[in-house]
N, C-alpha and C. Protein backbone atom coordinates (compact mmCIF):
# COMPACT_ATOMS: atom_id res chain seq x y z
N MET A 1 233.89 71.01 221.83
CA MET A 1 234.42 70.95 220.35
C MET A 1 233.45 70.12 219.31
N ILE A 2 233.63 70.49 218.49
CA ILE A 2 232.60 69.77 217.28
C ILE A 2 233.62 69.25 216.13
N TYR A 3 233.62 67.85 215.84
CA TYR A 3 234.41 67.35 215.10
C TYR A 3 233.48 67.00 213.82
N VAL A 4 233.87 67.11 212.60
CA VAL A 4 233.01 67.19 211.30
C VAL A 4 234.17 66.02 210.63
N ASP A 5 233.65 65.13 210.28
CA ASP A 5 234.20 64.16 209.25
C ASP A 5 233.66 64.77 207.76
N ALA A 6 234.60 65.75 207.47
CA ALA A 6 234.13 66.51 206.39
C ALA A 6 234.17 66.05 204.79
N ASP A 7 235.05 64.92 204.56
CA ASP A 7 234.83 64.26 203.35
C ASP A 7 233.40 64.03 202.72
N ALA A 8 232.97 64.67 201.71
CA ALA A 8 231.43 64.89 201.26
C ALA A 8 230.49 64.82 202.25
N CYS A 9 231.03 65.98 203.26
CA CYS A 9 229.75 66.27 204.18
C CYS A 9 229.02 67.57 203.52
N PRO A 10 227.64 67.42 203.61
CA PRO A 10 226.85 68.31 202.98
C PRO A 10 226.30 69.35 203.79
N VAL A 11 226.84 69.48 205.23
CA VAL A 11 226.42 70.51 206.03
C VAL A 11 227.61 71.06 206.79
N LYS A 12 228.61 71.29 206.15
CA LYS A 12 229.76 72.06 206.82
C LYS A 12 229.47 73.38 207.11
N ALA A 13 228.79 74.21 206.21
CA ALA A 13 228.33 75.59 206.48
C ALA A 13 227.50 75.52 207.73
N GLU A 14 226.55 74.69 207.87
CA GLU A 14 225.52 74.50 208.86
C GLU A 14 226.28 74.54 210.34
N ALA A 15 227.38 73.66 210.60
CA ALA A 15 228.12 73.10 211.26
C ALA A 15 228.88 74.45 211.73
N GLU A 16 229.66 75.00 210.59
CA GLU A 16 230.40 76.37 211.25
C GLU A 16 229.40 77.54 211.73
N ARG A 17 228.30 77.73 211.26
CA ARG A 17 227.28 78.53 211.61
C ARG A 17 226.81 78.60 213.19
N VAL A 18 226.61 77.00 213.51
CA VAL A 18 226.36 76.64 214.85
C VAL A 18 227.45 76.88 215.79
N ALA A 19 228.66 76.42 215.38
CA ALA A 19 229.80 76.59 216.09
C ALA A 19 230.21 78.00 216.44
N THR A 20 230.11 78.83 215.52
CA THR A 20 230.20 80.46 215.51
C THR A 20 229.20 81.12 216.57
N ARG A 21 228.07 80.61 216.78
CA ARG A 21 227.05 81.17 217.35
C ARG A 21 227.27 80.79 218.84
N HIS A 22 227.94 79.43 219.05
CA HIS A 22 227.99 78.89 220.26
C HIS A 22 229.57 79.25 220.92
N GLY A 23 230.27 79.81 220.34
CA GLY A 23 231.72 79.94 220.42
C GLY A 23 232.43 78.84 220.64
N VAL A 24 232.19 77.76 219.87
CA VAL A 24 232.72 76.41 220.15
C VAL A 24 233.69 76.16 218.96
N LYS A 25 234.71 75.30 219.33
CA LYS A 25 236.03 75.26 218.27
C LYS A 25 235.60 73.99 217.52
N LEU A 26 235.64 74.04 216.06
CA LEU A 26 235.23 73.42 215.04
C LEU A 26 236.53 72.75 214.38
N PHE A 27 236.53 71.38 214.17
CA PHE A 27 237.48 70.73 213.18
C PHE A 27 236.79 69.93 212.31
N PHE A 28 237.32 70.74 210.83
CA PHE A 28 236.77 69.83 209.75
C PHE A 28 238.13 68.70 209.36
N VAL A 29 237.74 67.77 209.63
CA VAL A 29 238.93 66.59 209.37
C VAL A 29 238.67 65.88 208.02
N SER A 30 239.72 66.12 206.89
CA SER A 30 239.61 65.44 205.78
C SER A 30 240.79 64.98 205.23
N ASN A 31 240.80 64.46 203.76
CA ASN A 31 242.12 64.08 203.22
C ASN A 31 242.60 65.40 202.25
N GLY A 32 241.65 66.36 202.32
CA GLY A 32 242.16 67.45 201.52
C GLY A 32 241.11 68.14 200.58
N GLY A 33 241.38 68.84 199.88
CA GLY A 33 240.27 69.35 198.98
C GLY A 33 239.36 70.37 199.51
N LEU A 34 239.40 70.86 200.60
CA LEU A 34 238.55 71.55 201.19
C LEU A 34 239.11 73.01 201.33
N ARG A 35 238.13 73.98 201.26
CA ARG A 35 238.69 75.48 201.21
C ARG A 35 238.72 75.85 202.54
N PRO A 36 239.91 76.46 202.92
CA PRO A 36 240.13 76.89 204.25
C PRO A 36 239.06 77.95 204.56
N SER A 37 238.74 77.86 206.21
CA SER A 37 237.78 79.04 206.38
C SER A 37 238.42 80.10 207.14
N ALA A 38 237.89 81.37 207.27
CA ALA A 38 238.73 82.57 207.72
C ALA A 38 238.26 82.54 209.31
N ASN A 39 237.25 81.65 209.56
CA ASN A 39 236.80 81.95 211.01
C ASN A 39 237.72 81.32 212.09
N PRO A 40 238.05 82.03 212.89
CA PRO A 40 239.25 81.78 213.93
C PRO A 40 238.82 80.54 214.87
N LEU A 41 237.56 80.16 214.86
CA LEU A 41 236.84 78.95 215.61
C LEU A 41 237.08 77.57 214.70
N VAL A 42 237.47 77.91 213.32
CA VAL A 42 237.41 76.77 212.43
C VAL A 42 238.80 76.21 212.26
N GLU A 43 239.13 74.84 212.42
CA GLU A 43 240.59 74.56 212.11
C GLU A 43 240.11 73.31 211.02
N MET A 44 240.88 73.58 210.11
CA MET A 44 240.91 72.49 208.85
C MET A 44 242.22 71.58 209.15
N VAL A 45 241.84 70.41 209.42
CA VAL A 45 242.72 69.24 209.62
C VAL A 45 242.68 68.24 208.54
N PHE A 46 244.00 68.27 207.84
CA PHE A 46 244.23 67.26 206.45
C PHE A 46 245.01 66.29 207.34
N VAL A 47 244.56 65.02 206.84
CA VAL A 47 245.22 63.78 207.15
C VAL A 47 245.66 63.11 206.07
N PRO A 48 246.71 62.21 206.24
CA PRO A 48 247.45 61.64 204.83
C PRO A 48 246.20 60.75 204.26
N GLU A 49 246.54 60.63 202.82
CA GLU A 49 245.60 59.72 202.11
C GLU A 49 245.61 58.25 202.64
N GLY A 50 244.66 57.47 202.70
CA GLY A 50 244.74 56.21 203.00
C GLY A 50 243.06 55.88 203.75
N PRO A 51 242.88 54.85 203.99
CA PRO A 51 241.85 54.12 204.43
C PRO A 51 241.58 54.75 206.10
N ASP A 52 240.29 55.48 206.07
CA ASP A 52 239.87 55.40 207.38
C ASP A 52 241.00 56.58 208.29
N MET A 53 241.75 57.45 207.82
CA MET A 53 242.58 58.04 208.22
C MET A 53 242.22 59.52 209.03
N ALA A 54 240.78 60.01 208.33
CA ALA A 54 240.13 60.88 209.30
C ALA A 54 239.41 60.37 210.35
N ASP A 55 239.01 59.44 209.88
CA ASP A 55 237.96 58.68 211.23
C ASP A 55 239.00 58.28 212.28
N MET A 56 240.16 57.71 212.06
CA MET A 56 241.26 57.50 213.27
C MET A 56 241.65 58.84 213.88
N TRP A 57 241.76 59.94 213.24
CA TRP A 57 242.14 61.15 213.89
C TRP A 57 241.05 61.49 214.77
N ILE A 58 239.76 61.31 214.46
CA ILE A 58 238.74 61.92 215.20
C ILE A 58 238.59 60.98 216.34
N ALA A 59 238.58 60.04 216.18
CA ALA A 59 238.29 58.80 217.18
C ALA A 59 239.23 58.90 218.46
N GLU A 60 240.82 59.17 217.96
CA GLU A 60 241.65 59.30 218.74
C GLU A 60 241.46 60.42 219.86
N ARG A 61 240.75 61.41 219.36
CA ARG A 61 240.55 62.89 220.26
C ARG A 61 239.60 62.88 220.73
N VAL A 62 238.25 62.40 220.70
CA VAL A 62 237.10 62.73 220.88
C VAL A 62 236.47 61.97 222.45
N GLY A 63 235.54 62.84 223.01
CA GLY A 63 235.43 62.37 224.28
C GLY A 63 234.04 63.06 224.81
N PRO A 64 233.96 62.77 226.00
CA PRO A 64 232.53 63.24 226.63
C PRO A 64 232.51 65.13 226.62
N GLY A 65 231.62 65.52 226.24
CA GLY A 65 231.38 66.94 225.87
C GLY A 65 231.68 67.18 224.70
N ASP A 66 232.11 66.48 223.64
CA ASP A 66 232.39 66.78 222.29
C ASP A 66 231.28 66.26 221.33
N VAL A 67 231.03 66.88 220.29
CA VAL A 67 230.07 66.57 219.20
C VAL A 67 230.65 66.10 218.19
N VAL A 68 230.33 65.06 217.25
CA VAL A 68 230.87 64.53 216.13
C VAL A 68 229.77 64.65 215.25
N VAL A 69 230.19 64.97 213.67
CA VAL A 69 229.00 64.90 212.62
C VAL A 69 229.68 64.01 211.65
N THR A 70 229.16 62.98 211.47
CA THR A 70 229.68 61.60 210.42
C THR A 70 228.53 60.90 209.87
N GLY A 71 228.73 60.56 208.83
CA GLY A 71 228.09 59.50 208.15
C GLY A 71 228.42 58.04 208.30
N ASP A 72 229.77 58.11 208.64
CA ASP A 72 230.38 56.71 208.65
C ASP A 72 230.13 56.08 210.05
N ILE A 73 229.20 55.06 209.90
CA ILE A 73 228.63 54.28 211.19
C ILE A 73 229.77 53.56 212.10
N PRO A 74 230.79 53.04 211.54
CA PRO A 74 231.79 52.34 212.52
C PRO A 74 232.56 53.55 213.25
N LEU A 75 232.59 54.77 212.65
CA LEU A 75 233.28 55.83 213.28
C LEU A 75 232.29 56.48 214.22
N ALA A 76 231.14 56.67 214.04
CA ALA A 76 229.90 56.94 214.89
C ALA A 76 230.07 56.13 216.13
N ALA A 77 230.39 54.83 215.99
CA ALA A 77 229.98 53.87 217.11
C ALA A 77 231.50 53.87 218.08
N LYS A 78 232.53 54.13 217.28
CA LYS A 78 233.86 54.29 218.50
C LYS A 78 233.45 55.95 219.24
N CYS A 79 232.72 56.98 218.37
CA CYS A 79 232.66 57.99 219.20
C CYS A 79 231.87 58.25 220.32
N VAL A 80 230.53 57.19 219.90
CA VAL A 80 229.75 57.16 221.08
C VAL A 80 229.92 56.40 222.06
N GLU A 81 230.80 55.20 221.93
CA GLU A 81 231.58 54.60 222.91
C GLU A 81 232.53 55.55 223.73
N ALA A 82 233.08 56.62 223.28
CA ALA A 82 234.05 57.43 223.84
C ALA A 82 233.33 58.75 224.61
N GLY A 83 231.90 58.31 224.60
CA GLY A 83 231.15 59.45 225.44
C GLY A 83 230.68 60.73 224.70
N ALA A 84 231.21 60.87 223.47
CA ALA A 84 230.54 61.95 222.59
C ALA A 84 229.34 61.88 222.09
N ARG A 85 228.56 63.07 221.62
CA ARG A 85 227.51 63.16 221.19
C ARG A 85 227.61 62.88 219.40
N VAL A 86 226.76 62.17 218.84
CA VAL A 86 227.15 62.01 217.12
C VAL A 86 225.62 62.11 216.59
N LEU A 87 225.79 62.85 215.54
CA LEU A 87 225.02 63.03 214.66
C LEU A 87 225.32 62.64 213.17
N LYS A 88 224.24 62.31 212.56
CA LYS A 88 224.31 61.84 211.11
C LYS A 88 223.90 63.47 210.30
N HIS A 89 224.55 63.55 208.90
CA HIS A 89 224.31 64.75 208.33
C HIS A 89 222.61 65.19 208.27
N ASN A 90 221.69 64.05 208.48
CA ASN A 90 220.39 64.42 208.01
C ASN A 90 219.67 64.67 209.40
N GLY A 91 220.50 64.85 210.49
CA GLY A 91 220.12 65.12 211.97
C GLY A 91 219.79 64.06 212.75
N GLU A 92 219.87 62.75 212.42
CA GLU A 92 219.80 61.51 213.01
C GLU A 92 220.52 61.43 214.27
N VAL A 93 220.19 61.17 215.33
CA VAL A 93 221.02 61.12 216.88
C VAL A 93 221.59 59.78 216.88
N LEU A 94 222.86 59.44 217.17
CA LEU A 94 223.21 58.33 217.14
C LEU A 94 223.64 58.08 218.76
N THR A 95 223.28 57.17 219.51
CA THR A 95 223.53 56.86 220.90
C THR A 95 223.77 55.66 221.33
N LEU A 96 224.26 55.24 222.52
CA LEU A 96 224.53 53.79 223.05
C LEU A 96 223.26 52.91 222.86
N ALA A 97 222.20 53.49 222.81
CA ALA A 97 220.75 52.76 222.73
C ALA A 97 220.49 52.39 221.23
N ASN A 98 220.93 53.13 220.30
CA ASN A 98 220.72 52.54 218.83
C ASN A 98 221.65 52.36 218.13
N ILE A 99 222.92 52.84 218.37
CA ILE A 99 224.20 52.28 217.47
C ILE A 99 224.56 50.81 217.18
N GLY A 100 224.11 49.89 217.97
CA GLY A 100 224.24 48.55 217.91
C GLY A 100 223.18 48.16 216.65
N ASN A 101 222.09 48.52 216.66
CA ASN A 101 221.17 48.15 215.63
C ASN A 101 221.43 49.04 214.42
N ILE A 102 221.75 50.01 214.62
CA ILE A 102 222.36 50.96 213.07
C ILE A 102 223.60 50.13 212.35
N LEU A 103 224.59 49.77 213.23
CA LEU A 103 225.51 49.17 212.72
C LEU A 103 225.40 47.69 212.33
N ALA A 104 224.61 46.88 212.94
CA ALA A 104 223.91 45.55 212.27
C ALA A 104 223.47 45.90 211.00
N THR A 105 222.47 46.77 210.89
CA THR A 105 221.73 46.93 209.67
C THR A 105 222.79 47.20 208.77
N ARG A 106 223.93 48.21 209.11
CA ARG A 106 224.56 48.55 208.12
C ARG A 106 225.58 47.46 207.45
N ASP A 107 225.98 46.47 208.18
CA ASP A 107 226.82 45.41 208.01
C ASP A 107 225.83 44.20 207.19
N LEU A 108 224.46 44.06 207.46
CA LEU A 108 223.54 43.38 206.75
C LEU A 108 223.42 43.73 205.42
N MET A 109 223.13 45.32 205.20
CA MET A 109 222.93 45.96 204.10
C MET A 109 224.34 45.68 203.01
N ALA A 110 225.43 45.72 203.81
CA ALA A 110 226.73 45.89 202.91
C ALA A 110 226.84 44.05 202.38
N ASP A 111 226.27 43.00 203.31
CA ASP A 111 226.24 41.61 202.98
C ASP A 111 225.39 41.45 201.72
N LEU A 112 224.19 42.09 201.75
CA LEU A 112 223.31 41.61 200.80
C LEU A 112 223.71 42.49 199.35
N ARG A 113 224.53 43.78 199.60
CA ARG A 113 224.86 44.29 198.29
C ARG A 113 226.02 43.65 197.60
N ALA A 114 226.81 42.87 198.56
CA ALA A 114 227.90 42.03 198.03
C ALA A 114 227.45 40.57 197.42
N ALA A 115 226.54 39.98 197.81
CA ALA A 115 225.70 39.01 197.52
C ALA A 115 224.81 38.92 196.06
N ASP A 116 224.38 40.32 195.62
CA ASP A 116 223.61 40.67 194.75
C ASP A 116 224.29 41.84 193.99
N PRO A 117 224.72 41.79 192.82
CA PRO A 117 225.26 42.98 192.25
C PRO A 117 224.42 43.88 191.73
N PHE A 118 223.16 43.45 191.55
CA PHE A 118 222.17 44.35 191.05
C PHE A 118 221.37 45.15 192.07
N ARG A 119 221.65 44.80 193.53
CA ARG A 119 221.24 45.22 194.67
C ARG A 119 222.16 46.47 195.01
N GLN A 120 222.36 47.53 194.11
CA GLN A 120 223.21 48.68 194.31
C GLN A 120 222.44 49.93 194.34
N GLY A 121 222.99 51.04 194.22
CA GLY A 121 222.43 52.38 194.11
C GLY A 121 222.57 52.91 195.68
N GLY A 122 222.35 54.18 195.75
CA GLY A 122 222.56 54.88 196.75
C GLY A 122 221.25 55.15 197.39
N GLY A 123 220.86 55.80 198.42
CA GLY A 123 219.84 56.06 199.25
C GLY A 123 218.97 57.09 198.64
N ARG A 124 217.98 57.79 199.27
CA ARG A 124 217.35 59.14 198.88
C ARG A 124 218.40 59.97 198.83
N GLY A 125 218.12 61.19 198.25
CA GLY A 125 218.75 62.21 198.17
C GLY A 125 218.81 62.96 199.33
N PHE A 126 219.75 63.90 199.69
CA PHE A 126 219.72 65.04 200.79
C PHE A 126 218.72 66.12 200.44
N THR A 127 218.07 66.30 201.38
CA THR A 127 216.64 67.27 201.35
C THR A 127 217.06 68.38 202.13
N ARG A 128 216.42 69.57 201.81
CA ARG A 128 216.16 70.68 202.87
C ARG A 128 215.74 70.17 204.14
N ALA A 129 214.76 69.37 204.09
CA ALA A 129 214.15 68.89 205.37
C ALA A 129 215.32 67.99 206.02
N ASP A 130 216.19 67.22 205.63
CA ASP A 130 217.32 66.86 206.19
C ASP A 130 218.23 67.83 206.83
N ARG A 131 218.47 68.77 206.07
CA ARG A 131 219.27 70.04 206.43
C ARG A 131 218.82 70.71 207.80
N SER A 132 217.48 70.95 207.63
CA SER A 132 216.91 71.55 208.80
C SER A 132 216.66 70.93 210.14
N ARG A 133 216.66 69.56 209.88
CA ARG A 133 216.61 68.52 211.01
C ARG A 133 218.22 68.66 211.52
N PHE A 134 219.24 68.55 210.85
CA PHE A 134 220.44 68.44 211.19
C PHE A 134 220.77 69.87 212.02
N LEU A 135 220.48 70.94 211.63
CA LEU A 135 220.42 72.25 212.10
C LEU A 135 219.94 71.98 213.67
N GLU A 136 218.51 71.90 213.65
CA GLU A 136 218.05 71.51 214.89
C GLU A 136 218.66 70.65 216.01
N ALA A 137 219.08 69.43 215.25
CA ALA A 137 219.77 68.44 216.22
C ALA A 137 221.23 69.03 216.80
N LEU A 138 221.90 69.69 215.68
CA LEU A 138 223.29 70.21 216.39
C LEU A 138 223.21 71.46 217.24
N GLU A 139 222.00 72.14 216.98
CA GLU A 139 221.81 73.02 218.31
C GLU A 139 221.49 72.21 219.67
N ARG A 140 220.86 71.22 219.62
CA ARG A 140 220.37 70.65 220.95
C ARG A 140 221.73 69.97 221.46
N ALA A 141 222.41 69.28 220.47
CA ALA A 141 223.57 68.50 220.69
C ALA A 141 224.73 69.49 221.48
N VAL A 142 224.84 70.74 220.71
CA VAL A 142 226.17 71.59 221.40
C VAL A 142 225.47 71.94 222.77
N ARG A 143 224.24 72.45 222.85
CA ARG A 143 223.79 72.99 224.09
C ARG A 143 223.88 71.70 225.13
N ALA A 144 223.62 70.60 225.03
CA ALA A 144 223.60 69.50 225.91
C ALA A 144 225.28 69.27 226.35
N ALA A 145 225.95 69.49 225.19
CA ALA A 145 227.30 68.92 225.57
C ALA A 145 228.05 70.25 226.57
N ALA A 146 227.53 71.38 226.28
CA ALA A 146 227.82 72.68 227.14
C ALA A 146 227.25 72.36 228.68
N MET A 147 226.18 71.93 228.84
CA MET A 147 225.78 71.58 230.06
C MET A 147 226.67 70.48 230.64
N GLU A 148 226.93 69.38 230.00
CA GLU A 148 227.56 68.24 230.41
C GLU A 148 229.10 68.81 230.77
N LYS A 149 229.78 69.57 230.12
CA LYS A 149 230.95 70.16 230.35
C LYS A 149 231.11 71.04 231.43
N ARG A 150 229.93 71.68 231.99
CA ARG A 150 229.71 72.38 233.17
C ARG A 150 229.77 71.59 234.42
N ARG A 151 229.21 70.34 234.17
CA ARG A 151 228.87 69.56 235.50
C ARG A 151 230.29 69.18 236.03
């Protein structure tokens, strides 16, 4: 299965395309505001309003052989620990080998932003290259997860 933390996710269409190609169930998890899909493989999951409700829904269900798409690093860490394959929207793969450093960097940057109100602002924009990297990474992750399930 593929789980997408769908609030503000820029690659929903790409995830649906890959899920359809592989015949894999896809869950878009959100607080609402998403257009339903006519695709029978896609399930829209609307969780109650509140902090991290979508994250909790995904973390409670994910396991080995599943793929998670999220930009939320704490959610990614929980999913990696549960044995899922995790991708960021730009195709970056999060694993047991790198999630600790990524989580520590996230926490450090949050502390720096809190200490310096002028150190705000987003990162770089989402590019076509990011979208392409995501598609390639999701293809690899879905294939690897399918192999894992067959074992």
